[in-house]
Amino acid sequence: MATQQISTHWLRHTTLTWVERNFGYAVARAYAGHAETTSGDVGATAGYVRASMQELADALSALAGEPHPLGSAVG
């Protein structure tokens, strides 16, 4: 992937940007593993928004194109 200038950081950034644009800030934050508030969070909103497990499952399902058992479109 080095010849195409694609790094794991680029993949993470691109994926999280897509999740944020399609599912919102709270879901992207949780998807990134940043669900817990820390003193280093940027912006006051970070302490108030939370994504549910179903919202995370829906984002993963949409990204992968496969149903997730915890998502809202089961069956």
N, C-alpha and C. Protein backbone atom coordinates (compact mmCIF):
# COMPACT_ATOMS: atom_id res chain seq x y z
N MET A 1 0.81 -1.20 0.00
CA MET A 1 0.00 0.00 0.00
C MET A 1 0.86 1.26 0.00
N ALA A 2 2.14 1.14 0.30
CA ALA A 2 3.02 2.30 0.34
C ALA A 2 3.12 2.97 -1.03
N THR A 3 3.11 2.19 -2.10
CA THR A 3 3.23 2.78 -3.44
C THR A 3 1.99 3.61 -3.78
N GLN A 4 0.87 3.32 -3.16
CA GLN A 4 -0.35 4.08 -3.40
C GLN A 4 -0.56 5.15 -2.32
N GLN A 5 0.41 5.28 -1.41
CA GLN A 5 0.38 6.26 -0.32
C GLN A 5 -0.86 6.11 0.56
N ILE A 6 -1.19 4.87 0.87
CA ILE A 6 -2.31 4.58 1.77
C ILE A 6 -1.73 4.00 3.04
N SER A 7 -2.06 4.61 4.16
CA SER A 7 -1.58 4.13 5.46
C SER A 7 -2.77 3.70 6.31
N THR A 8 -2.49 3.04 7.41
CA THR A 8 -3.58 2.66 8.33
C THR A 8 -4.24 3.92 8.89
N HIS A 9 -3.46 4.97 9.11
CA HIS A 9 -4.04 6.23 9.59
C HIS A 9 -5.02 6.78 8.55
N TRP A 10 -4.65 6.74 7.27
CA TRP A 10 -5.53 7.22 6.22
C TRP A 10 -6.82 6.40 6.18
N LEU A 11 -6.70 5.07 6.29
CA LEU A 11 -7.89 4.21 6.29
C LEU A 11 -8.80 4.54 7.47
N ARG A 12 -8.22 4.73 8.65
CA ARG A 12 -9.01 5.06 9.85
C ARG A 12 -9.68 6.41 9.66
N HIS A 13 -8.94 7.40 9.20
CA HIS A 13 -9.49 8.73 8.98
C HIS A 13 -10.65 8.70 7.98
N THR A 14 -10.44 8.01 6.87
CA THR A 14 -11.45 7.92 5.83
C THR A 14 -12.71 7.21 6.33
N THR A 15 -12.52 6.12 7.04
CA THR A 15 -13.65 5.37 7.59
C THR A 15 -14.42 6.20 8.60
N LEU A 16 -13.72 6.85 9.52
CA LEU A 16 -14.40 7.64 10.54
C LEU A 16 -15.09 8.87 9.95
N THR A 17 -14.51 9.44 8.92
CA THR A 17 -15.17 10.56 8.24
C THR A 17 -16.47 10.09 7.61
N TRP A 18 -16.45 8.92 6.96
CA TRP A 18 -17.66 8.38 6.34
C TRP A 18 -18.72 8.09 7.40
N VAL A 19 -18.31 7.48 8.51
CA VAL A 19 -19.27 7.18 9.59
C VAL A 19 -19.86 8.47 10.13
N GLU A 20 -19.03 9.49 10.34
CA GLU A 20 -19.54 10.75 10.87
C GLU A 20 -20.52 11.40 9.91
N ARG A 21 -20.21 11.41 8.64
CA ARG A 21 -21.08 12.05 7.64
C ARG A 21 -22.41 11.32 7.49
N ASN A 22 -22.40 10.02 7.67
CA ASN A 22 -23.62 9.22 7.48
C ASN A 22 -24.38 8.94 8.75
N PHE A 23 -23.72 8.94 9.90
CA PHE A 23 -24.38 8.55 11.14
C PHE A 23 -24.22 9.55 12.28
N GLY A 24 -23.45 10.61 12.08
CA GLY A 24 -23.32 11.66 13.07
C GLY A 24 -22.09 11.54 13.95
N TYR A 25 -21.85 12.62 14.67
CA TYR A 25 -20.66 12.76 15.50
C TYR A 25 -20.59 11.72 16.62
N ALA A 26 -21.68 11.51 17.32
CA ALA A 26 -21.67 10.57 18.45
C ALA A 26 -21.32 9.16 17.99
N VAL A 27 -21.87 8.73 16.88
CA VAL A 27 -21.61 7.38 16.38
C VAL A 27 -20.15 7.28 15.93
N ALA A 28 -19.65 8.29 15.23
CA ALA A 28 -18.25 8.26 14.79
C ALA A 28 -17.30 8.24 15.98
N ARG A 29 -17.62 9.00 16.99
CA ARG A 29 -16.78 9.05 18.20
C ARG A 29 -16.73 7.68 18.87
N ALA A 30 -17.87 7.04 19.01
CA ALA A 30 -17.90 5.71 19.61
C ALA A 30 -17.26 4.67 18.70
N TYR A 31 -17.48 4.78 17.41
CA TYR A 31 -16.90 3.85 16.43
C TYR A 31 -15.38 3.90 16.50
N ALA A 32 -14.84 5.08 16.78
CA ALA A 32 -13.39 5.25 16.90
C ALA A 32 -12.85 4.75 18.23
N GLY A 33 -13.76 4.40 19.14
CA GLY A 33 -13.32 3.96 20.46
C GLY A 33 -13.12 5.12 21.41
N HIS A 34 -13.70 6.27 21.10
CA HIS A 34 -13.57 7.45 21.93
C HIS A 34 -14.85 7.75 22.67
N ALA A 35 -15.58 6.74 23.05
CA ALA A 35 -16.90 6.93 23.66
C ALA A 35 -16.81 7.53 25.06
N GLU A 36 -15.74 7.26 25.76
CA GLU A 36 -15.61 7.79 27.12
C GLU A 36 -15.04 9.19 27.08
N THR A 37 -15.61 10.08 27.85
CA THR A 37 -15.15 11.46 27.91
C THR A 37 -13.85 11.54 28.69
N THR A 38 -12.89 12.25 28.14
CA THR A 38 -11.63 12.50 28.83
C THR A 38 -11.36 13.99 28.83
N SER A 39 -10.43 14.42 29.62
CA SER A 39 -10.13 15.85 29.70
C SER A 39 -9.57 16.39 28.40
N GLY A 40 -9.09 15.53 27.51
CA GLY A 40 -8.52 15.96 26.25
C GLY A 40 -9.54 16.13 25.13
N ASP A 41 -10.83 15.90 25.40
CA ASP A 41 -11.86 16.04 24.36
C ASP A 41 -11.94 17.46 23.85
N VAL A 42 -12.18 17.58 22.57
CA VAL A 42 -12.32 18.89 21.95
C VAL A 42 -13.80 19.25 21.94
N GLY A 43 -14.14 20.37 22.51
CA GLY A 43 -15.52 20.86 22.48
C GLY A 43 -16.36 20.34 23.62
N ALA A 44 -17.27 21.18 24.07
CA ALA A 44 -18.13 20.84 25.19
C ALA A 44 -19.15 19.77 24.83
N THR A 45 -19.53 19.68 23.56
CA THR A 45 -20.55 18.72 23.13
C THR A 45 -20.12 17.28 23.36
N ALA A 46 -18.83 17.00 23.32
CA ALA A 46 -18.33 15.64 23.45
C ALA A 46 -18.80 14.95 24.73
N GLY A 47 -19.00 15.71 25.78
CA GLY A 47 -19.46 15.13 27.04
C GLY A 47 -20.93 14.79 27.07
N TYR A 48 -21.69 15.25 26.09
CA TYR A 48 -23.14 15.07 26.10
C TYR A 48 -23.67 14.08 25.10
N VAL A 49 -22.91 13.78 24.07
CA VAL A 49 -23.42 12.90 23.03
C VAL A 49 -22.96 11.47 23.25
N ARG A 50 -23.85 10.54 23.03
CA ARG A 50 -23.57 9.12 23.17
C ARG A 50 -24.26 8.37 22.03
N ALA A 51 -23.60 7.33 21.55
CA ALA A 51 -24.20 6.47 20.53
C ALA A 51 -24.60 5.16 21.19
N SER A 52 -25.72 4.62 20.77
CA SER A 52 -26.16 3.33 21.29
C SER A 52 -25.44 2.20 20.55
N MET A 53 -25.49 1.03 21.12
CA MET A 53 -24.91 -0.14 20.46
C MET A 53 -25.61 -0.40 19.13
N GLN A 54 -26.92 -0.17 19.08
CA GLN A 54 -27.66 -0.36 17.83
C GLN A 54 -27.18 0.62 16.77
N GLU A 55 -26.91 1.86 17.13
CA GLU A 55 -26.40 2.83 16.16
C GLU A 55 -25.03 2.42 15.63
N LEU A 56 -24.18 1.91 16.51
CA LEU A 56 -22.87 1.43 16.07
C LEU A 56 -23.01 0.23 15.14
N ALA A 57 -23.91 -0.69 15.48
CA ALA A 57 -24.14 -1.87 14.65
C ALA A 57 -24.68 -1.46 13.28
N ASP A 58 -25.56 -0.46 13.25
CA ASP A 58 -26.10 0.02 11.98
C ASP A 58 -25.00 0.63 11.11
N ALA A 59 -24.09 1.38 11.72
CA ALA A 59 -22.98 1.97 10.97
C ALA A 59 -22.08 0.88 10.40
N LEU A 60 -21.76 -0.12 11.20
CA LEU A 60 -20.92 -1.21 10.73
C LEU A 60 -21.62 -1.98 9.62
N SER A 61 -22.89 -2.21 9.78
CA SER A 61 -23.67 -2.92 8.77
C SER A 61 -23.67 -2.16 7.44
N ALA A 62 -23.87 -0.86 7.50
CA ALA A 62 -23.87 -0.05 6.28
C ALA A 62 -22.50 -0.04 5.62
N LEU A 63 -21.46 0.06 6.41
CA LEU A 63 -20.10 0.09 5.88
C LEU A 63 -19.72 -1.24 5.24
N ALA A 64 -20.10 -2.34 5.89
CA ALA A 64 -19.73 -3.67 5.41
C ALA A 64 -20.71 -4.24 4.38
N GLY A 65 -21.92 -3.67 4.32
CA GLY A 65 -22.92 -4.19 3.41
C GLY A 65 -23.48 -5.52 3.85
N GLU A 66 -23.40 -5.80 5.13
CA GLU A 66 -23.89 -7.05 5.72
C GLU A 66 -24.74 -6.73 6.94
N PRO A 67 -25.78 -7.51 7.19
CA PRO A 67 -26.59 -7.28 8.40
C PRO A 67 -25.79 -7.57 9.67
N HIS A 68 -26.12 -6.88 10.72
CA HIS A 68 -25.49 -7.11 12.02
C HIS A 68 -26.59 -7.52 13.00
N PRO A 69 -26.36 -8.53 13.83
CA PRO A 69 -27.41 -9.00 14.73
C PRO A 69 -27.88 -7.97 15.74
N LEU A 70 -27.10 -6.95 16.02
CA LEU A 70 -27.51 -5.92 16.97
C LEU A 70 -28.08 -4.70 16.27
N GLY A 71 -28.12 -4.70 14.96
CA GLY A 71 -28.62 -3.57 14.18
C GLY A 71 -30.13 -3.53 14.09
N SER A 72 -30.64 -2.43 13.57
CA SER A 72 -32.10 -2.27 13.48
C SER A 72 -32.69 -3.00 12.28
N ALA A 73 -31.87 -3.38 11.30
CA ALA A 73 -32.39 -4.04 10.10
C ALA A 73 -32.07 -5.53 10.13
N VAL A 74 -32.40 -6.18 11.25
CA VAL A 74 -32.14 -7.62 11.40
C VAL A 74 -33.22 -8.40 10.69
N GLY A 75 -32.80 -9.45 10.02
CA GLY A 75 -33.80 -10.35 9.44
C GLY A 75 -33.86 -10.30 8.03
